[in-house]
Every structure is written in structure tokens, then in C-alpha cells.
Amino acid sequence: MKRFIIKILLLALPISFYAVIQEYALRTIPNDYAYKNQWLTENAQSLKILSLGSSHGFFGIQPTEFSQLAFNAGHVSQSLLFDEFIFDKFLPQMESLEYVILPISYFTMRGKGLQYGAEKWRVKNYTIYYNCPYFRCQPQFALESYHFAPKKTLKALFTKVNHRGCDSLGRGIDYSLESRSDDWQTAGPVAMKRHTKVNYSQSDVDKNLSHINHIVEVCKNRGIKVILLTTPTYHTYYDILDKDQLEQMISCCELIASNHENVIYFNWLKHSSFDENDFFDADHLNEFGAIKLTTLLNQEISTQPCEKMRK
């Protein structure tokens, strides 16, 4: 019996050692989540404008175009639960914060949450790199090695791998005009189908509203203004959206704005200033569109206070 136990231990030791090495190696690869957590940790006290949101904000907001120090804390598929988490985590350090930009997309209000979607593997990035406690007891949401990538581990150990896809102020850099596919316009119907939730739960809408209202109320108490923003899309996307879902999203945002003096809603889904050269695909802006969008936002922020923007 003792020999059997010794054999098991001898077998387990190298496996455990490899598992630890693999987890460590995977975590050393530079990525957006680790970078943004570190940037906010070091610079939150000087930040004037914080932008959150999913890929529409991640690729659509270019902080360099603001007149004040701004940072893009959005991520691909980031749901309101994690918008709220990032906001709450760094709020105590954000003593100079004046504006929070919260992108609200066609799919936002009916979204069930990142942890339930096709890209739920991204949840681990908040657990590991933002130290988010929500799902740390679930291995699939807490370990890089759960997704077992031996080739990725070897690259991390012996080559300079870099998975960071954002610039120094957090905007995503992968969606460029140069890298746009020739059939980018036809992506509209595909994205629309993926984003449309005809059969949805009202409880999901209520949860999403609660996340938004939490951010709004905290900002109100701190004298911070909130901009709810629906980013521009191309007509091959917005022309075919489900009318009920779209109207629900708009009405939710308009209601929040009407009930809170510190909130303004910009519905720029069909903004006439944007043409085909501003898009990466039918619902995401490229680098030129991001500059144009952020310039428009900066003009609104710079020329008139939030109360006047509402009029």
C-alpha cells in the first residue's frame, strides 16, 4: 500500500509541477486585461474621463482625442456586470473623474451576461488580471490552464508572445481600415442575428438596468456626469434590427437620462457624419471612425455642461 501511495505521489509531482509552470507561463503573456488593470491602478487618481463597454466602445472610443486625460476600459464582449465591477474597483482612486462614458448597444439590455455567452471563457481574464471575486471558485473562470494550451505555454516560455491588442490609453487597435475584409458590409445580417434576442427574460433586462442605475447613482453622489452612448453602425446593420428590441434599448436609455440630471444619452446609431470609410465591419468603427466619434464627444463635453447638452 505504501509503495502504491509513493508511486502515485511520484507521478503527481511532475504533473503538478508542470501545471504550475503552465499556469505561470500563460499568465505572463501581456494582454489587455493585465495592462488596463495596471494602468488604472497607477493613473486612476488623475483620470478625468473613463470609457467602459463592449467591443463597440473598445474600438470606437479613442482617448487621445479628448482634451482631458481619458482611458478606455472597454473589452470585447464586456457586459454591464463587469463595467460595474471595473467602475467600483477604481472609483476610490478616481478623485478627479468628471465623466463616465457607458456604451449601450442594441444587444445590451437583453444580454444575459458574459458568463453565459459563447465567449464566457473571457470571464477568467477579470478573475485573474482584475482580481474580480465573482467567479473565482469556478476553475473555468479562474485558471488559464483550464483551457489547456501546451503550445501556447511553450511559446510563452521560450518566445516573446504578446496578446495585448490596445494602445497606451486602452483603445483596441486590431479593427483597422487596412485590415478590413472585402465583404465587410455583408457582416451586418450575421451580427444582427447574433445580437437579436426575441425570446428574452425580463429579469435580464432588470439586472442590466440595475447595473446602469448603480453607476449613475454613484456618479450622481460624486458629481460625475454619465454619457450613455449608442455608437454609430452601418446601414447594412441598423436597417435590419428588430424594431421591438431596438425601441426597448432606446426607451431604457431615454428614461434613465430623463430621471437623472447627471445623465445624457446620445443615440448615434445612425449618425449621418459617418460613412463607409469609418467602419471596420457593419457594427464596429475603425481607427478613423473612432477619431471622428471621440472628436464629436469631446466637442459636446468641452462646449457645454451636461445640463445644457440635454436641451
Foldseek 3Di string as FASTA:
>chain_A
DVVVVVVVVVVVVVVVVVQVLLQVLVVPAAALLLLVLVCLVVCLLQAAEEEEEAQQQQAQADQVLAPGRYAYHYYHPQALVVVLVVCVVRVVNNLNYAEYEYEDELQHLQDQGCCPDPNVLCLCSCCDRVVDPPCCVPCSNPTPCVVPDVVSSVCSVPHRHHHYQADNRRHGAPLALVPADPPQAQCQVVVQVVRDDPPGDVVSSVVSLVSVVVVQVVCLVSNHAYEYEHAAFACSHPVPHDPVSNVVSVVSQVVVCVVHQRYDYDYCHPPPVDDPNQPSHGSHGHPVSSSVVNNVVNCLVPPDPSNVSRD
